[in-house]
Amino acid sequence: MAPLTDRPRAAEPHQELAQRIKRWREARGWNQQALADRAGFARSTLSKIENGLLSPTFEILLKLAQGFGCTLSDLVRAEPVALVGRLVVERGTPGVGIDNPNTRLWPLGADLRGRPFQSMLVEFTQGDLAGFGDWNRHETDDMLHVLSGVLVLHTEGYAPVTLHPGDTVHFDGTMPHACLRGGTETETCRCLYVFAPR
């Protein structure tokens, strides 16, 4: 079976994301190499993403956002509707989640501009550290608040931490880490994720 990151993403949210990346790149007059250089990864990776052959990891999405000079929420959400002021009310889970290796993400408040932090709902879908792959590491300060299920956080230099609904953890996103779903296979681990790019 192919690794999760190499599986084609034919679902509508992934097609929209791939099309948005290509549209934004072409609107700036950049070829794939120009955007890849700005984002700091290989042009071949960008080509696979734009053609729906690769589901970008969280780290790659962060790099793409930095390459475009926008927030991650701007990149992964549908084109926002212009709002007056800074009040956004979102009821329930916002739309279809973006599947990532080991997670499913729902960006929150994408219409708010100029804020020093970003927020998401995140489901951790991997329960086995051996199947997690490379640990995450990104240029952010992170906070996770467990809403449901059990979260097991592995970090470099610290013993694993198990968190339950109502528990919160703050950590340095540059530290290698892996977030796993604890409990049984039928339990959903959903968290509020708040992060501030450095």
C-alpha atoms as a PDB file:
ATOM      1  CA  MET A   1       0.000   0.000   0.000  1.00  0.00           C
ATOM      2  CA  ALA A   2       1.345   3.459  -0.910  1.00  0.00           C
ATOM      3  CA  PRO A   3       2.357   5.807   1.935  1.00  0.00           C
ATOM      4  CA  LEU A   4      -0.447   8.098   3.033  1.00  0.00           C
ATOM      5  CA  THR A   5       1.265  11.227   1.718  1.00  0.00           C
ATOM      6  CA  ASP A   6       1.577   9.747  -1.775  1.00  0.00           C
ATOM      7  CA  ARG A   7      -2.102   8.876  -2.200  1.00  0.00           C
ATOM      8  CA  PRO A   8      -3.976  10.996  -4.758  1.00  0.00           C
ATOM      9  CA  ARG A   9      -6.445  13.379  -3.149  1.00  0.00           C
ATOM     10  CA  ALA A  10      -9.529  13.424  -5.350  1.00  0.00           C
ATOM     11  CA  ALA A  11     -11.899  14.751  -2.672  1.00  0.00           C
ATOM     12  CA  GLU A  12     -13.315  18.185  -3.379  1.00  0.00           C
ATOM     13  CA  PRO A  13     -11.428  20.061  -0.608  1.00  0.00           C
ATOM     14  CA  HIS A  14      -8.099  18.798  -1.946  1.00  0.00           C
ATOM     15  CA  GLN A  15      -9.004  19.717  -5.533  1.00  0.00           C
ATOM     16  CA  GLU A  16      -9.977  23.215  -4.392  1.00  0.00           C
ATOM     17  CA  LEU A  17      -6.709  23.608  -2.492  1.00  0.00           C
ATOM     18  CA  ALA A  18      -4.619  22.406  -5.444  1.00  0.00           C
ATOM     19  CA  GLN A  19      -6.463  24.754  -7.803  1.00  0.00           C
ATOM     20  CA  ARG A  20      -6.085  27.696  -5.407  1.00  0.00           C
ATOM     21  CA  ILE A  21      -2.331  27.174  -5.103  1.00  0.00           C
ATOM     22  CA  LYS A  22      -1.939  27.064  -8.885  1.00  0.00           C
ATOM     23  CA  ARG A  23      -4.253  30.062  -9.393  1.00  0.00           C
ATOM     24  CA  TRP A  24      -2.468  32.177  -6.805  1.00  0.00           C
ATOM     25  CA  ARG A  25       0.934  31.236  -8.241  1.00  0.00           C
ATOM     26  CA  GLU A  26      -0.054  32.106 -11.811  1.00  0.00           C
ATOM     27  CA  ALA A  27      -1.723  35.367 -10.692  1.00  0.00           C
ATOM     28  CA  ARG A  28       1.661  36.443  -9.305  1.00  0.00           C
ATOM     29  CA  GLY A  29       3.409  35.511 -12.540  1.00  0.00           C
ATOM     30  CA  TRP A  30       5.494  32.813 -10.867  1.00  0.00           C
ATOM     31  CA  ASN A  31       6.422  29.472 -12.364  1.00  0.00           C
ATOM     32  CA  GLN A  32       6.515  26.425 -10.106  1.00  0.00           C
ATOM     33  CA  GLN A  33      10.229  26.829  -9.411  1.00  0.00           C
ATOM     34  CA  ALA A  34       9.745  30.430  -8.239  1.00  0.00           C
ATOM     35  CA  LEU A  35       7.092  29.441  -5.692  1.00  0.00           C
ATOM     36  CA  ALA A  36       9.034  26.367  -4.597  1.00  0.00           C
ATOM     37  CA  ASP A  37      12.108  28.553  -3.992  1.00  0.00           C
ATOM     38  CA  ARG A  38      10.072  31.051  -1.960  1.00  0.00           C
ATOM     39  CA  ALA A  39       8.474  28.249   0.059  1.00  0.00           C
ATOM     40  CA  GLY A  40      11.692  26.306   0.534  1.00  0.00           C
ATOM     41  CA  PHE A  41      10.935  22.879  -0.918  1.00  0.00           C
ATOM     42  CA  ALA A  42      11.394  20.981  -4.200  1.00  0.00           C
ATOM     43  CA  ARG A  43       9.559  22.010  -7.390  1.00  0.00           C
ATOM     44  CA  SER A  44       8.607  18.354  -7.939  1.00  0.00           C
ATOM     45  CA  THR A  45       6.699  18.411  -4.633  1.00  0.00           C
ATOM     46  CA  LEU A  46       4.778  21.503  -5.723  1.00  0.00           C
ATOM     47  CA  SER A  47       3.980  19.907  -9.072  1.00  0.00           C
ATOM     48  CA  LYS A  48       2.512  16.837  -7.350  1.00  0.00           C
ATOM     49  CA  ILE A  49       0.412  19.032  -5.039  1.00  0.00           C
ATOM     50  CA  GLU A  50      -0.977  21.138  -7.899  1.00  0.00           C
ATOM     51  CA  ASN A  51      -1.835  17.991  -9.862  1.00  0.00           C
ATOM     52  CA  GLY A  52      -3.602  16.348  -6.924  1.00  0.00           C
ATOM     53  CA  LEU A  53      -1.010  13.599  -6.587  1.00  0.00           C
ATOM     54  CA  LEU A  54       0.249  14.574  -3.130  1.00  0.00           C
ATOM     55  CA  SER A  55      -1.536  15.676   0.022  1.00  0.00           C
ATOM     56  CA  PRO A  56       0.673  18.377   1.602  1.00  0.00           C
ATOM     57  CA  THR A  57       1.745  17.934   5.201  1.00  0.00           C
ATOM     58  CA  PHE A  58       1.098  20.639   7.775  1.00  0.00           C
ATOM     59  CA  GLU A  59       4.738  21.731   7.445  1.00  0.00           C
ATOM     60  CA  ILE A  60       4.447  22.053   3.654  1.00  0.00           C
ATOM     61  CA  LEU A  61       1.202  24.046   4.020  1.00  0.00           C
ATOM     62  CA  LEU A  62       2.984  26.425   6.407  1.00  0.00           C
ATOM     63  CA  LYS A  63       5.826  26.850   3.915  1.00  0.00           C
ATOM     64  CA  LEU A  64       3.379  27.515   1.071  1.00  0.00           C
ATOM     65  CA  ALA A  65       1.616  30.157   3.149  1.00  0.00           C
ATOM     66  CA  GLN A  66       4.963  31.788   3.906  1.00  0.00           C
ATOM     67  CA  GLY A  67       5.863  31.631   0.214  1.00  0.00           C
ATOM     68  CA  PHE A  68       2.638  33.447  -0.673  1.00  0.00           C
ATOM     69  CA  GLY A  69       2.994  35.850   2.243  1.00  0.00           C
ATOM     70  CA  CYS A  70      -0.396  34.872   3.704  1.00  0.00           C
ATOM     71  CA  THR A  71      -1.745  33.016   6.715  1.00  0.00           C
ATOM     72  CA  LEU A  72      -2.294  29.272   6.664  1.00  0.00           C
ATOM     73  CA  SER A  73      -6.032  29.855   7.142  1.00  0.00           C
ATOM     74  CA  ASP A  74      -6.102  32.064   4.018  1.00  0.00           C
ATOM     75  CA  LEU A  75      -4.457  29.281   2.036  1.00  0.00           C
ATOM     76  CA  VAL A  76      -6.585  26.304   3.043  1.00  0.00           C
ATOM     77  CA  ARG A  77     -10.044  27.858   3.347  1.00  0.00           C
ATOM     78  CA  ALA A  78     -12.340  28.770   0.479  1.00  0.00           C
ATOM     79  CA  GLU A  79     -11.978  32.348  -0.745  1.00  0.00           C
ATOM     80  CA  PRO A  80     -13.230  34.508   2.132  1.00  0.00           C
ATOM     81  CA  VAL A  81     -16.149  36.880   1.930  1.00  0.00           C
ATOM     82  CA  ALA A  82     -15.193  40.471   2.744  1.00  0.00           C
ATOM     83  CA  LEU A  83     -16.421  41.477   6.191  1.00  0.00           C
ATOM     84  CA  VAL A  84     -16.722  44.774   8.021  1.00  0.00           C
ATOM     85  CA  GLY A  85     -14.976  44.843  11.388  1.00  0.00           C
ATOM     86  CA  ARG A  86     -13.367  41.920  13.180  1.00  0.00           C
ATOM     87  CA  LEU A  87     -16.270  39.789  14.338  1.00  0.00           C
ATOM     88  CA  VAL A  88     -16.704  36.289  12.888  1.00  0.00           C
ATOM     89  CA  VAL A  89     -19.197  33.808  14.323  1.00  0.00           C
ATOM     90  CA  GLU A  90     -18.832  30.164  13.287  1.00  0.00           C
ATOM     91  CA  ARG A  91     -21.444  27.688  14.469  1.00  0.00           C
ATOM     92  CA  GLY A  92     -20.634  23.992  14.504  1.00  0.00           C
ATOM     93  CA  THR A  93     -17.770  22.386  12.625  1.00  0.00           C
ATOM     94  CA  PRO A  94     -16.895  24.634   9.644  1.00  0.00           C
ATOM     95  CA  GLY A  95     -17.319  22.710   6.395  1.00  0.00           C
ATOM     96  CA  VAL A  96     -15.314  19.724   5.220  1.00  0.00           C
ATOM     97  CA  GLY A  97     -12.024  19.013   6.941  1.00  0.00           C
ATOM     98  CA  ILE A  98      -8.690  18.996   5.133  1.00  0.00           C
ATOM     99  CA  ASP A  99      -7.102  15.556   5.466  1.00  0.00           C
ATOM    100  CA  ASN A 100      -3.429  15.551   6.320  1.00  0.00           C
ATOM    101  CA  PRO A 101      -1.164  12.661   7.202  1.00  0.00           C
ATOM    102  CA  ASN A 102      -2.165  11.781  10.805  1.00  0.00           C
ATOM    103  CA  THR A 103      -4.725  14.612  11.124  1.00  0.00           C
ATOM    104  CA  ARG A 104      -7.865  16.274   9.808  1.00  0.00           C
ATOM    105  CA  LEU A 105      -7.965  20.104  10.008  1.00  0.00           C
ATOM    106  CA  TRP A 106     -10.740  22.715  10.076  1.00  0.00           C
ATOM    107  CA  PRO A 107      -9.337  26.302  10.010  1.00  0.00           C
ATOM    108  CA  LEU A 108     -11.254  28.767  12.176  1.00  0.00           C
ATOM    109  CA  GLY A 109     -11.782  32.498  11.675  1.00  0.00           C
ATOM    110  CA  ALA A 110     -10.066  32.672   8.293  1.00  0.00           C
ATOM    111  CA  ASP A 111     -11.812  35.987   7.592  1.00  0.00           C
ATOM    112  CA  LEU A 112     -10.030  37.750  10.467  1.00  0.00           C
ATOM    113  CA  ARG A 113      -6.970  39.654   9.292  1.00  0.00           C
ATOM    114  CA  GLY A 114      -3.927  40.914  11.142  1.00  0.00           C
ATOM    115  CA  ARG A 115      -4.169  38.657  14.175  1.00  0.00           C
ATOM    116  CA  PRO A 116      -0.961  37.376  15.789  1.00  0.00           C
ATOM    117  CA  PHE A 117      -2.295  33.819  16.066  1.00  0.00           C
ATOM    118  CA  GLN A 118      -4.310  31.291  14.041  1.00  0.00           C
ATOM    119  CA  SER A 119      -6.724  28.619  15.221  1.00  0.00           C
ATOM    120  CA  MET A 120      -8.106  25.323  13.982  1.00  0.00           C
ATOM    121  CA  LEU A 121     -10.102  22.319  15.025  1.00  0.00           C
ATOM    122  CA  VAL A 122      -7.934  19.251  14.581  1.00  0.00           C
ATOM    123  CA  GLU A 123      -8.651  15.544  14.781  1.00  0.00           C
ATOM    124  CA  PHE A 124      -5.685  13.288  15.396  1.00  0.00           C
ATOM    125  CA  THR A 125      -6.270  10.155  13.351  1.00  0.00           C
ATOM    126  CA  GLN A 126      -3.097   8.139  13.952  1.00  0.00           C
ATOM    127  CA  GLY A 127      -2.976   5.983  17.064  1.00  0.00           C
ATOM    128  CA  ASP A 128       0.338   4.191  16.478  1.00  0.00           C
ATOM    129  CA  LEU A 129       3.672   5.971  16.882  1.00  0.00           C
ATOM    130  CA  ALA A 130       5.338   3.465  14.541  1.00  0.00           C
ATOM    131  CA  GLY A 131       2.882   4.464  11.792  1.00  0.00           C
ATOM    132  CA  PHE A 132       3.196   8.206  12.385  1.00  0.00           C
ATOM    133  CA  GLY A 133       6.223   8.740  10.150  1.00  0.00           C
ATOM    134  CA  ASP A 134       8.540  11.711  10.569  1.00  0.00           C
ATOM    135  CA  TRP A 135       7.738  13.771  13.642  1.00  0.00           C
ATOM    136  CA  ASN A 136       6.350  17.263  13.098  1.00  0.00           C
ATOM    137  CA  ARG A 137       8.469  20.368  13.480  1.00  0.00           C
ATOM    138  CA  HIS A 138       7.387  23.872  12.439  1.00  0.00           C
ATOM    139  CA  GLU A 139       8.142  27.517  13.200  1.00  0.00           C
ATOM    140  CA  THR A 140       5.222  28.130  15.580  1.00  0.00           C
ATOM    141  CA  ASP A 141       4.331  28.415  19.249  1.00  0.00           C
ATOM    142  CA  ASP A 142       1.535  25.901  19.846  1.00  0.00           C
ATOM    143  CA  MET A 143      -1.391  25.268  22.173  1.00  0.00           C
ATOM    144  CA  LEU A 144      -3.704  22.232  22.137  1.00  0.00           C
ATOM    145  CA  HIS A 145      -6.879  22.011  24.212  1.00  0.00           C
ATOM    146  CA  VAL A 146      -8.520  18.570  24.194  1.00  0.00           C
ATOM    147  CA  LEU A 147     -12.237  18.683  23.359  1.00  0.00           C
ATOM    148  CA  SER A 148     -12.955  14.951  23.075  1.00  0.00           C
ATOM    149  CA  GLY A 149     -11.109  11.661  23.227  1.00  0.00           C
ATOM    150  CA  VAL A 150      -7.558  11.169  24.453  1.00  0.00           C
ATOM    151  CA  LEU A 151      -4.429  12.894  23.120  1.00  0.00           C
ATOM    152  CA  VAL A 152      -0.954  11.415  23.585  1.00  0.00           C
ATOM    153  CA  LEU A 153       1.773  13.984  22.883  1.00  0.00           C
ATOM    154  CA  HIS A 154       5.297  12.753  22.205  1.00  0.00           C
ATOM    155  CA  THR A 155       8.035  15.401  22.214  1.00  0.00           C
ATOM    156  CA  GLU A 156      11.792  15.320  21.937  1.00  0.00           C
ATOM    157  CA  GLY A 157      13.380  15.509  25.365  1.00  0.00           C
ATOM    158  CA  TYR A 158      10.185  14.945  27.381  1.00  0.00           C
ATOM    159  CA  ALA A 159       8.247  11.871  28.466  1.00  0.00           C
ATOM    160  CA  PRO A 160       4.976  11.311  26.559  1.00  0.00           C
ATOM    161  CA  VAL A 161       2.028  13.253  27.987  1.00  0.00           C
ATOM    162  CA  THR A 162      -1.533  11.900  27.992  1.00  0.00           C
ATOM    163  CA  LEU A 163      -4.308  14.504  27.948  1.00  0.00           C
ATOM    164  CA  HIS A 164      -8.062  14.155  28.415  1.00  0.00           C
ATOM    165  CA  PRO A 165     -11.011  16.466  27.649  1.00  0.00           C
ATOM    166  CA  GLY A 166     -10.456  19.807  29.347  1.00  0.00           C
ATOM    167  CA  ASP A 167      -6.646  19.415  29.438  1.00  0.00           C
ATOM    168  CA  THR A 168      -4.379  21.923  27.689  1.00  0.00           C
ATOM    169  CA  VAL A 169      -0.743  21.803  26.631  1.00  0.00           C
ATOM    170  CA  HIS A 170       1.498  24.643  25.402  1.00  0.00           C
ATOM    171  CA  PHE A 171       4.729  23.786  23.581  1.00  0.00           C
ATOM    172  CA  ASP A 172       7.393  24.990  21.171  1.00  0.00           C
ATOM    173  CA  GLY A 173       6.441  23.815  17.684  1.00  0.00           C
ATOM    174  CA  THR A 174      10.096  23.791  16.600  1.00  0.00           C
ATOM    175  CA  MET A 175      10.633  20.873  18.987  1.00  0.00           C
ATOM    176  CA  PRO A 176      10.074  17.563  17.155  1.00  0.00           C
ATOM    177  CA  HIS A 177       6.698  16.195  18.239  1.00  0.00           C
ATOM    178  CA  ALA A 178       4.034  13.631  17.371  1.00  0.00           C
ATOM    179  CA  CYS A 179       0.368  13.896  18.386  1.00  0.00           C
ATOM    180  CA  LEU A 180      -1.453  10.579  18.590  1.00  0.00           C
ATOM    181  CA  ARG A 181      -5.030   9.546  19.189  1.00  0.00           C
ATOM    182  CA  GLY A 182      -5.209   7.652  22.488  1.00  0.00           C
ATOM    183  CA  GLY A 183      -7.969   5.384  23.732  1.00  0.00           C
ATOM    184  CA  THR A 184      -9.723   2.885  21.474  1.00  0.00           C
ATOM    185  CA  GLU A 185      -9.795   2.924  17.670  1.00  0.00           C
ATOM    186  CA  THR A 186     -13.420   4.064  17.726  1.00  0.00           C
ATOM    187  CA  GLU A 187     -12.737   7.122  19.901  1.00  0.00           C
ATOM    188  CA  THR A 188     -12.264  10.452  18.143  1.00  0.00           C
ATOM    189  CA  CYS A 189      -9.554  12.763  19.478  1.00  0.00           C
ATOM    190  CA  ARG A 190     -10.551  16.333  18.625  1.00  0.00           C
ATOM    191  CA  CYS A 191      -8.697  19.399  19.873  1.00  0.00           C
ATOM    192  CA  LEU A 192      -8.706  23.157  19.595  1.00  0.00           C
ATOM    193  CA  TYR A 193      -5.333  24.095  18.099  1.00  0.00           C
ATOM    194  CA  VAL A 194      -4.047  27.658  18.459  1.00  0.00           C
ATOM    195  CA  PHE A 195      -0.658  28.610  17.041  1.00  0.00           C
ATOM    196  CA  ALA A 196       1.395  31.724  16.430  1.00  0.00           C
ATOM    197  CA  PRO A 197       3.892  31.727  13.549  1.00  0.00           C
ATOM    198  CA  ARG A 198       7.341  32.952  14.564  1.00  0.00           C
END
